[in-house]
Amino acid sequence: MKNILFVSHSVELNGAELMLLQTLKNIDREKFRLFLAAPGKGPLLEEAGRAGVWTFAVPMKWWLTEKSRVWRQPFSWALNRGGVRRISRIIGENRIDAVMTNSSACFGGALAARRAGVPHVWFIHEILDGPRPLLHYFFGRRRLVKFIHGHSARVIVNSLASRRAFDGLDRVSVVYNGVEIPGVPETAAGGPVPAPGAVREPGAPVLGIIGKVRPEKGQKEAVRILELVRRSFPGARLVVVGDVKDRRYFRRLQD
């Protein structure tokens, strides 16, 4: 049996964390013993613990930031050294065979794995290139990509869009996010039961964008696309779902 340590950048249950939790719940426990380190107590550790995963709270700040806060990164890196040492001890004490980091925002797992001499896999959920990346690195995008690739036995990305930052590099694999679809209750006539508050009109498509409501997530672009879609499908609707992180942006979307 192999011991695998996963390292999360967050203890919340947003998209990347939910995908990690789904992975933890579906891995073959006859082949792997699972451990999870995250930067504090929270829903992710609680859910993972209930799923039988060994959990550790290892305080660390994000290693990457928004563009306006890049200047703070070196201070966070200095504070994170203790977290790297803690993860290194977890690797040694639990005879970890491999480490997997979830998100580019956390370097601690990669640095600890290098220090302990065990393989490291990096799962990238973010788009790191293009005109409007969500996260930025003090030394620039190219150095970030080089650091991620150089500290990984394998880099996994969740889309072709997130793969573009690693163009020309080997050991990069695209693994699309899995989706667990629960059974849908049916009516006596065999059709699906409408959800409460459903917005669908007969014959009209409903588009959805799910994620934190902030400019980098692209809700504004979805609204603009809806205008084009409605030229062919006048009854089309758009559903925006997510925690509002930028209220001014949200008000502009509503307008």
C-alpha atoms as a PDB file:
ATOM      1  CA  MET A   1       0.000   0.000   0.000  1.00  0.00           C
ATOM      2  CA  LYS A   2       1.266   3.459  -0.957  1.00  0.00           C
ATOM      3  CA  ASN A   3       0.999   6.479   1.320  1.00  0.00           C
ATOM      4  CA  ILE A   4      -0.002   9.641  -0.563  1.00  0.00           C
ATOM      5  CA  LEU A   5       0.024  13.131   0.933  1.00  0.00           C
ATOM      6  CA  PHE A   6      -2.212  15.758  -0.673  1.00  0.00           C
ATOM      7  CA  VAL A   7      -1.532  19.435   0.041  1.00  0.00           C
ATOM      8  CA  SER A   8      -4.285  22.026  -0.381  1.00  0.00           C
ATOM      9  CA  HIS A   9      -3.929  25.804  -0.605  1.00  0.00           C
ATOM     10  CA  SER A  10      -7.272  26.316   1.149  1.00  0.00           C
ATOM     11  CA  VAL A  11      -9.682  24.759   3.627  1.00  0.00           C
ATOM     12  CA  GLU A  12     -12.788  26.136   1.903  1.00  0.00           C
ATOM     13  CA  LEU A  13     -15.023  24.122  -0.407  1.00  0.00           C
ATOM     14  CA  ASN A  14     -14.668  25.990  -3.687  1.00  0.00           C
ATOM     15  CA  GLY A  15     -14.102  24.388  -7.092  1.00  0.00           C
ATOM     16  CA  ALA A  16     -10.509  23.176  -6.706  1.00  0.00           C
ATOM     17  CA  GLU A  17     -11.147  21.935  -3.176  1.00  0.00           C
ATOM     18  CA  LEU A  18     -14.323  20.113  -4.202  1.00  0.00           C
ATOM     19  CA  MET A  19     -12.437  18.352  -6.987  1.00  0.00           C
ATOM     20  CA  LEU A  20      -9.753  17.357  -4.479  1.00  0.00           C
ATOM     21  CA  LEU A  21     -12.389  16.056  -2.063  1.00  0.00           C
ATOM     22  CA  GLN A  22     -14.051  14.058  -4.839  1.00  0.00           C
ATOM     23  CA  THR A  23     -10.662  12.551  -5.709  1.00  0.00           C
ATOM     24  CA  LEU A  24      -9.976  11.616  -2.097  1.00  0.00           C
ATOM     25  CA  LYS A  25     -13.359   9.923  -1.750  1.00  0.00           C
ATOM     26  CA  ASN A  26     -12.942   7.827  -4.910  1.00  0.00           C
ATOM     27  CA  ILE A  27      -9.344   6.618  -4.691  1.00  0.00           C
ATOM     28  CA  ASP A  28      -8.944   2.855  -4.143  1.00  0.00           C
ATOM     29  CA  ARG A  29      -8.284   2.500  -0.399  1.00  0.00           C
ATOM     30  CA  GLU A  30      -6.932  -1.021  -0.846  1.00  0.00           C
ATOM     31  CA  LYS A  31      -3.995   0.456  -2.776  1.00  0.00           C
ATOM     32  CA  PHE A  32      -3.526   3.886  -1.178  1.00  0.00           C
ATOM     33  CA  ARG A  33      -3.508   5.333   2.329  1.00  0.00           C
ATOM     34  CA  LEU A  34      -4.426   9.020   2.103  1.00  0.00           C
ATOM     35  CA  PHE A  35      -3.203  12.071   4.027  1.00  0.00           C
ATOM     36  CA  LEU A  36      -4.202  15.713   3.588  1.00  0.00           C
ATOM     37  CA  ALA A  37      -2.446  18.888   4.758  1.00  0.00           C
ATOM     38  CA  ALA A  38      -4.258  22.231   4.537  1.00  0.00           C
ATOM     39  CA  PRO A  39      -3.565  25.723   5.976  1.00  0.00           C
ATOM     40  CA  GLY A  40      -5.896  25.481   8.965  1.00  0.00           C
ATOM     41  CA  LYS A  41      -9.086  23.906  10.214  1.00  0.00           C
ATOM     42  CA  GLY A  42     -12.162  24.176   8.029  1.00  0.00           C
ATOM     43  CA  PRO A  43     -14.790  22.397   5.921  1.00  0.00           C
ATOM     44  CA  LEU A  44     -12.284  20.644   3.638  1.00  0.00           C
ATOM     45  CA  LEU A  45     -10.443  18.947   6.496  1.00  0.00           C
ATOM     46  CA  GLU A  46     -13.722  18.079   8.193  1.00  0.00           C
ATOM     47  CA  GLU A  47     -15.142  16.435   5.083  1.00  0.00           C
ATOM     48  CA  ALA A  48     -11.880  14.635   4.322  1.00  0.00           C
ATOM     49  CA  GLY A  49     -11.687  13.368   7.904  1.00  0.00           C
ATOM     50  CA  ARG A  50     -15.203  11.973   7.655  1.00  0.00           C
ATOM     51  CA  ALA A  51     -14.104  10.183   4.471  1.00  0.00           C
ATOM     52  CA  GLY A  52     -11.326   8.417   6.364  1.00  0.00           C
ATOM     53  CA  VAL A  53      -8.412  10.637   5.315  1.00  0.00           C
ATOM     54  CA  TRP A  54      -5.680  11.487   7.851  1.00  0.00           C
ATOM     55  CA  THR A  55      -5.666  15.286   8.117  1.00  0.00           C
ATOM     56  CA  PHE A  56      -3.175  17.914   9.264  1.00  0.00           C
ATOM     57  CA  ALA A  57      -3.605  21.661   9.766  1.00  0.00           C
ATOM     58  CA  VAL A  58      -0.397  23.343   8.563  1.00  0.00           C
ATOM     59  CA  PRO A  59      -0.683  27.159   8.628  1.00  0.00           C
ATOM     60  CA  MET A  60       0.661  28.729   5.443  1.00  0.00           C
ATOM     61  CA  LYS A  61      -0.163  31.785   3.380  1.00  0.00           C
ATOM     62  CA  TRP A  62      -0.703  31.683  -0.362  1.00  0.00           C
ATOM     63  CA  TRP A  63       2.560  31.808  -2.289  1.00  0.00           C
ATOM     64  CA  LEU A  64       0.884  33.630  -5.188  1.00  0.00           C
ATOM     65  CA  THR A  65      -1.395  36.665  -5.078  1.00  0.00           C
ATOM     66  CA  GLU A  66      -3.423  39.036  -7.166  1.00  0.00           C
ATOM     67  CA  LYS A  67      -1.329  41.457  -9.198  1.00  0.00           C
ATOM     68  CA  SER A  68      -1.823  44.361  -6.781  1.00  0.00           C
ATOM     69  CA  ARG A  69      -0.392  42.337  -3.881  1.00  0.00           C
ATOM     70  CA  VAL A  70       2.641  40.791  -5.562  1.00  0.00           C
ATOM     71  CA  TRP A  71       4.979  42.911  -3.456  1.00  0.00           C
ATOM     72  CA  ARG A  72       3.814  41.053  -0.321  1.00  0.00           C
ATOM     73  CA  GLN A  73       4.883  37.624  -1.550  1.00  0.00           C
ATOM     74  CA  PRO A  74       8.467  37.556  -0.212  1.00  0.00           C
ATOM     75  CA  PHE A  75       7.144  38.282   3.294  1.00  0.00           C
ATOM     76  CA  SER A  76       4.673  35.395   3.011  1.00  0.00           C
ATOM     77  CA  TRP A  77       7.412  33.076   1.738  1.00  0.00           C
ATOM     78  CA  ALA A  78       9.515  33.835   4.805  1.00  0.00           C
ATOM     79  CA  LEU A  79       6.593  33.041   7.096  1.00  0.00           C
ATOM     80  CA  ASN A  80       5.872  29.825   5.186  1.00  0.00           C
ATOM     81  CA  ARG A  81       9.237  28.231   5.947  1.00  0.00           C
ATOM     82  CA  GLY A  82       7.831  26.745   9.140  1.00  0.00           C
ATOM     83  CA  GLY A  83       4.998  25.167   7.160  1.00  0.00           C
ATOM     84  CA  VAL A  84       7.455  23.568   4.741  1.00  0.00           C
ATOM     85  CA  ARG A  85       9.372  22.050   7.664  1.00  0.00           C
ATOM     86  CA  ARG A  86       6.106  20.767   9.142  1.00  0.00           C
ATOM     87  CA  ILE A  87       5.110  19.083   5.870  1.00  0.00           C
ATOM     88  CA  SER A  88       8.592  17.575   5.637  1.00  0.00           C
ATOM     89  CA  ARG A  89       8.091  16.022   9.075  1.00  0.00           C
ATOM     90  CA  ILE A  90       4.688  14.667   8.035  1.00  0.00           C
ATOM     91  CA  ILE A  91       6.339  13.045   5.007  1.00  0.00           C
ATOM     92  CA  GLY A  92       8.997  11.409   7.139  1.00  0.00           C
ATOM     93  CA  GLU A  93       6.820  10.356  10.084  1.00  0.00           C
ATOM     94  CA  ASN A  94       4.176   8.778   7.840  1.00  0.00           C
ATOM     95  CA  ARG A  95       6.530   7.273   5.259  1.00  0.00           C
ATOM     96  CA  ILE A  96       4.867   9.171   2.444  1.00  0.00           C
ATOM     97  CA  ASP A  97       5.599   7.725  -1.018  1.00  0.00           C
ATOM     98  CA  ALA A  98       4.421  10.717  -3.080  1.00  0.00           C
ATOM     99  CA  VAL A  99       3.053  14.232  -2.578  1.00  0.00           C
ATOM    100  CA  MET A 100       0.337  15.879  -4.667  1.00  0.00           C
ATOM    101  CA  THR A 101      -0.263  19.634  -4.499  1.00  0.00           C
ATOM    102  CA  ASN A 102      -3.704  20.988  -5.427  1.00  0.00           C
ATOM    103  CA  SER A 103      -3.390  24.474  -7.021  1.00  0.00           C
ATOM    104  CA  SER A 104      -0.499  26.661  -8.114  1.00  0.00           C
ATOM    105  CA  ALA A 105      -1.041  28.916  -5.074  1.00  0.00           C
ATOM    106  CA  CYS A 106       0.739  26.492  -2.736  1.00  0.00           C
ATOM    107  CA  PHE A 107       4.467  25.732  -3.004  1.00  0.00           C
ATOM    108  CA  GLY A 108       4.803  24.021   0.383  1.00  0.00           C
ATOM    109  CA  GLY A 109       4.156  20.477  -0.809  1.00  0.00           C
ATOM    110  CA  ALA A 110       6.597  20.775  -3.722  1.00  0.00           C
ATOM    111  CA  LEU A 111       9.387  22.212  -1.559  1.00  0.00           C
ATOM    112  CA  ALA A 112       8.852  19.631   1.197  1.00  0.00           C
ATOM    113  CA  ALA A 113       8.792  16.759  -1.309  1.00  0.00           C
ATOM    114  CA  ARG A 114      12.073  17.970  -2.833  1.00  0.00           C
ATOM    115  CA  ARG A 115      13.545  18.226   0.650  1.00  0.00           C
ATOM    116  CA  ALA A 116      12.392  14.708   1.559  1.00  0.00           C
ATOM    117  CA  GLY A 117      13.381  13.160  -1.757  1.00  0.00           C
ATOM    118  CA  VAL A 118       9.938  11.851  -2.744  1.00  0.00           C
ATOM    119  CA  PRO A 119       8.084  12.347  -6.056  1.00  0.00           C
ATOM    120  CA  HIS A 120       5.783  15.340  -6.368  1.00  0.00           C
ATOM    121  CA  VAL A 121       2.747  15.834  -8.629  1.00  0.00           C
ATOM    122  CA  TRP A 122       1.253  19.286  -9.166  1.00  0.00           C
ATOM    123  CA  PHE A 123      -2.441  19.632 -10.089  1.00  0.00           C
ATOM    124  CA  ILE A 124      -3.031  23.028 -11.718  1.00  0.00           C
ATOM    125  CA  HIS A 125      -6.579  24.393 -11.827  1.00  0.00           C
ATOM    126  CA  GLU A 126      -5.710  27.973 -12.785  1.00  0.00           C
ATOM    127  CA  ILE A 127      -5.041  29.605 -16.156  1.00  0.00           C
ATOM    128  CA  LEU A 128      -1.556  31.014 -15.657  1.00  0.00           C
ATOM    129  CA  ASP A 129      -1.109  32.789 -19.009  1.00  0.00           C
ATOM    130  CA  GLY A 130      -3.194  35.080 -21.158  1.00  0.00           C
ATOM    131  CA  PRO A 131      -4.161  38.728 -20.687  1.00  0.00           C
ATOM    132  CA  ARG A 132      -5.874  38.344 -17.306  1.00  0.00           C
ATOM    133  CA  PRO A 133      -4.490  35.536 -15.110  1.00  0.00           C
ATOM    134  CA  LEU A 134      -6.022  35.307 -11.651  1.00  0.00           C
ATOM    135  CA  LEU A 135      -2.739  34.686  -9.803  1.00  0.00           C
ATOM    136  CA  HIS A 136       0.642  36.360 -10.257  1.00  0.00           C
ATOM    137  CA  TYR A 137       4.199  35.485  -9.242  1.00  0.00           C
ATOM    138  CA  PHE A 138       6.777  37.961  -7.950  1.00  0.00           C
ATOM    139  CA  PHE A 139       9.313  36.814 -10.575  1.00  0.00           C
ATOM    140  CA  GLY A 140       6.863  36.614 -13.487  1.00  0.00           C
ATOM    141  CA  ARG A 141       4.832  33.983 -15.306  1.00  0.00           C
ATOM    142  CA  ARG A 142       7.702  32.239 -17.071  1.00  0.00           C
ATOM    143  CA  ARG A 143       9.604  31.722 -13.845  1.00  0.00           C
ATOM    144  CA  LEU A 144       6.418  30.401 -12.216  1.00  0.00           C
ATOM    145  CA  VAL A 145       5.859  27.829 -14.950  1.00  0.00           C
ATOM    146  CA  LYS A 146       9.506  26.808 -14.792  1.00  0.00           C
ATOM    147  CA  PHE A 147       9.306  26.425 -10.999  1.00  0.00           C
ATOM    148  CA  ILE A 148       6.146  24.286 -11.158  1.00  0.00           C
ATOM    149  CA  HIS A 149       7.535  22.058 -13.906  1.00  0.00           C
ATOM    150  CA  GLY A 150      10.960  21.753 -12.322  1.00  0.00           C
ATOM    151  CA  HIS A 151       9.529  20.659  -8.970  1.00  0.00           C
ATOM    152  CA  SER A 152       7.167  18.021 -10.380  1.00  0.00           C
ATOM    153  CA  ALA A 153       7.484  14.475 -11.622  1.00  0.00           C
ATOM    154  CA  ARG A 154       4.193  15.170 -13.396  1.00  0.00           C
ATOM    155  CA  VAL A 155       2.058  18.289 -13.883  1.00  0.00           C
ATOM    156  CA  ILE A 156      -1.680  17.687 -14.261  1.00  0.00           C
ATOM    157  CA  VAL A 157      -3.904  20.424 -15.693  1.00  0.00           C
ATOM    158  CA  ASN A 158      -7.697  20.361 -15.862  1.00  0.00           C
ATOM    159  CA  SER A 159      -8.229  21.854 -19.324  1.00  0.00           C
ATOM    160  CA  LEU A 160      -6.549  22.718 -22.601  1.00  0.00           C
ATOM    161  CA  ALA A 161      -6.747  26.363 -21.536  1.00  0.00           C
ATOM    162  CA  SER A 162      -4.711  25.723 -18.381  1.00  0.00           C
ATOM    163  CA  ARG A 163      -2.351  23.546 -20.469  1.00  0.00           C
ATOM    164  CA  ARG A 164      -1.295  26.496 -22.667  1.00  0.00           C
ATOM    165  CA  ALA A 165       1.036  27.939 -20.020  1.00  0.00           C
ATOM    166  CA  PHE A 166       3.093  24.717 -20.269  1.00  0.00           C
ATOM    167  CA  ASP A 167       3.283  24.499 -24.072  1.00  0.00           C
ATOM    168  CA  GLY A 168       6.515  22.856 -25.220  1.00  0.00           C
ATOM    169  CA  LEU A 169       7.127  21.112 -21.880  1.00  0.00           C
ATOM    170  CA  ASP A 170       6.959  17.378 -21.250  1.00  0.00           C
ATOM    171  CA  ARG A 171       5.446  15.551 -18.255  1.00  0.00           C
ATOM    172  CA  VAL A 172       2.225  17.599 -18.498  1.00  0.00           C
ATOM    173  CA  SER A 173      -1.108  15.764 -18.706  1.00  0.00           C
ATOM    174  CA  VAL A 174      -4.650  17.031 -19.204  1.00  0.00           C
ATOM    175  CA  VAL A 175      -7.122  15.334 -16.850  1.00  0.00           C
ATOM    176  CA  TYR A 176     -10.593  16.828 -17.046  1.00  0.00           C
ATOM    177  CA  ASN A 177     -12.611  17.313 -13.875  1.00  0.00           C
ATOM    178  CA  GLY A 178     -14.908  14.398 -13.182  1.00  0.00           C
ATOM    179  CA  VAL A 179     -18.558  15.030 -12.404  1.00  0.00           C
ATOM    180  CA  GLU A 180     -20.624  12.872 -10.077  1.00  0.00           C
ATOM    181  CA  ILE A 181     -24.237  12.949 -11.271  1.00  0.00           C
ATOM    182  CA  PRO A 182     -26.759  11.725  -8.698  1.00  0.00           C
ATOM    183  CA  GLY A 183     -29.860   9.864  -9.805  1.00  0.00           C
ATOM    184  CA  VAL A 184     -32.546  12.217 -11.151  1.00  0.00           C
ATOM    185  CA  PRO A 185     -36.061  11.546  -9.828  1.00  0.00           C
ATOM    186  CA  GLU A 186     -38.646  11.021 -12.538  1.00  0.00           C
ATOM    187  CA  THR A 187     -42.346  11.720 -12.858  1.00  0.00           C
ATOM    188  CA  ALA A 188     -44.868   9.002 -13.583  1.00  0.00           C
ATOM    189  CA  ALA A 189     -44.672   9.991 -17.245  1.00  0.00           C
ATOM    190  CA  GLY A 190     -40.935   9.359 -17.236  1.00  0.00           C
ATOM    191  CA  GLY A 191     -39.799  12.977 -17.475  1.00  0.00           C
ATOM    192  CA  PRO A 192     -37.504  14.784 -15.009  1.00  0.00           C
ATOM    193  CA  VAL A 193     -39.015  16.588 -12.055  1.00  0.00           C
ATOM    194  CA  PRO A 194     -38.578  20.379 -12.446  1.00  0.00           C
ATOM    195  CA  ALA A 195     -36.331  21.899  -9.812  1.00  0.00           C
ATOM    196  CA  PRO A 196     -37.904  24.458  -7.463  1.00  0.00           C
ATOM    197  CA  GLY A 197     -37.548  27.923  -8.935  1.00  0.00           C
ATOM    198  CA  ALA A 198     -36.587  26.579 -12.361  1.00  0.00           C
ATOM    199  CA  VAL A 199     -36.060  29.299 -14.990  1.00  0.00           C
ATOM    200  CA  ARG A 200     -36.306  27.201 -18.132  1.00  0.00           C
ATOM    201  CA  GLU A 201     -38.942  28.027 -20.733  1.00  0.00           C
ATOM    202  CA  PRO A 202     -40.132  25.268 -23.091  1.00  0.00           C
ATOM    203  CA  GLY A 203     -37.637  24.846 -25.913  1.00  0.00           C
ATOM    204  CA  ALA A 204     -35.272  27.554 -24.612  1.00  0.00           C
ATOM    205  CA  PRO A 205     -31.716  26.810 -23.457  1.00  0.00           C
ATOM    206  CA  VAL A 206     -30.505  27.779 -19.996  1.00  0.00           C
ATOM    207  CA  LEU A 207     -26.812  28.622 -19.719  1.00  0.00           C
ATOM    208  CA  GLY A 208     -24.979  28.575 -16.410  1.00  0.00           C
ATOM    209  CA  ILE A 209     -21.708  29.955 -15.069  1.00  0.00           C
ATOM    210  CA  ILE A 210     -20.671  28.786 -11.617  1.00  0.00           C
ATOM    211  CA  GLY A 211     -17.858  30.274  -9.547  1.00  0.00           C
ATOM    212  CA  LYS A 212     -16.901  33.186  -7.339  1.00  0.00           C
ATOM    213  CA  VAL A 213     -18.366  36.389  -8.738  1.00  0.00           C
ATOM    214  CA  ARG A 214     -15.298  38.417  -9.657  1.00  0.00           C
ATOM    215  CA  PRO A 215     -13.903  39.777 -12.966  1.00  0.00           C
ATOM    216  CA  GLU A 216     -11.345  36.986 -13.440  1.00  0.00           C
ATOM    217  CA  LYS A 217     -14.090  34.349 -13.522  1.00  0.00           C
ATOM    218  CA  GLY A 218     -15.658  35.769 -16.687  1.00  0.00           C
ATOM    219  CA  GLN A 219     -19.285  36.413 -15.759  1.00  0.00           C
ATOM    220  CA  LYS A 220     -19.216  39.657 -17.774  1.00  0.00           C
ATOM    221  CA  GLU A 221     -18.155  37.741 -20.875  1.00  0.00           C
ATOM    222  CA  ALA A 222     -20.981  35.263 -20.293  1.00  0.00           C
ATOM    223  CA  VAL A 223     -23.510  38.119 -20.207  1.00  0.00           C
ATOM    224  CA  ARG A 224     -22.146  39.474 -23.491  1.00  0.00           C
ATOM    225  CA  ILE A 225     -22.284  36.026 -25.092  1.00  0.00           C
ATOM    226  CA  LEU A 226     -25.912  35.693 -23.971  1.00  0.00           C
ATOM    227  CA  GLU A 227     -26.807  38.655 -26.184  1.00  0.00           C
ATOM    228  CA  LEU A 228     -25.441  36.742 -29.189  1.00  0.00           C
ATOM    229  CA  VAL A 229     -27.165  33.507 -28.189  1.00  0.00           C
ATOM    230  CA  ARG A 230     -30.542  35.253 -27.860  1.00  0.00           C
ATOM    231  CA  ARG A 231     -30.414  36.286 -31.505  1.00  0.00           C
ATOM    232  CA  SER A 232     -31.011  32.627 -32.392  1.00  0.00           C
ATOM    233  CA  PHE A 233     -32.766  31.545 -29.182  1.00  0.00           C
ATOM    234  CA  PRO A 234     -34.820  34.516 -27.898  1.00  0.00           C
ATOM    235  CA  GLY A 235     -35.936  32.662 -24.783  1.00  0.00           C
ATOM    236  CA  ALA A 236     -32.400  31.772 -23.642  1.00  0.00           C
ATOM    237  CA  ARG A 237     -31.540  32.538 -20.028  1.00  0.00           C
ATOM    238  CA  LEU A 238     -28.280  32.826 -18.097  1.00  0.00           C
ATOM    239  CA  VAL A 239     -27.925  31.703 -14.479  1.00  0.00           C
ATOM    240  CA  VAL A 240     -25.003  33.156 -12.525  1.00  0.00           C
ATOM    241  CA  VAL A 241     -24.221  31.139  -9.384  1.00  0.00           C
ATOM    242  CA  GLY A 242     -21.511  31.924  -6.869  1.00  0.00           C
ATOM    243  CA  ASP A 243     -20.295  33.754  -3.803  1.00  0.00           C
ATOM    244  CA  VAL A 244     -20.057  37.490  -4.485  1.00  0.00           C
ATOM    245  CA  LYS A 245     -16.450  38.589  -3.896  1.00  0.00           C
ATOM    246  CA  ASP A 246     -16.666  41.908  -5.754  1.00  0.00           C
ATOM    247  CA  ARG A 247     -19.969  43.718  -5.121  1.00  0.00           C
ATOM    248  CA  ARG A 248     -19.278  46.597  -7.524  1.00  0.00           C
ATOM    249  CA  TYR A 249     -18.635  44.068 -10.273  1.00  0.00           C
ATOM    250  CA  PHE A 250     -21.812  42.191  -9.291  1.00  0.00           C
ATOM    251  CA  ARG A 251     -23.892  45.358  -9.541  1.00  0.00           C
ATOM    252  CA  ARG A 252     -22.475  46.028 -13.018  1.00  0.00           C
ATOM    253  CA  LEU A 253     -23.458  42.500 -14.018  1.00  0.00           C
ATOM    254  CA  GLN A 254     -26.998  43.077 -12.783  1.00  0.00           C
ATOM    255  CA  ASP A 255     -27.232  46.354 -14.702  1.00  0.00           C
END
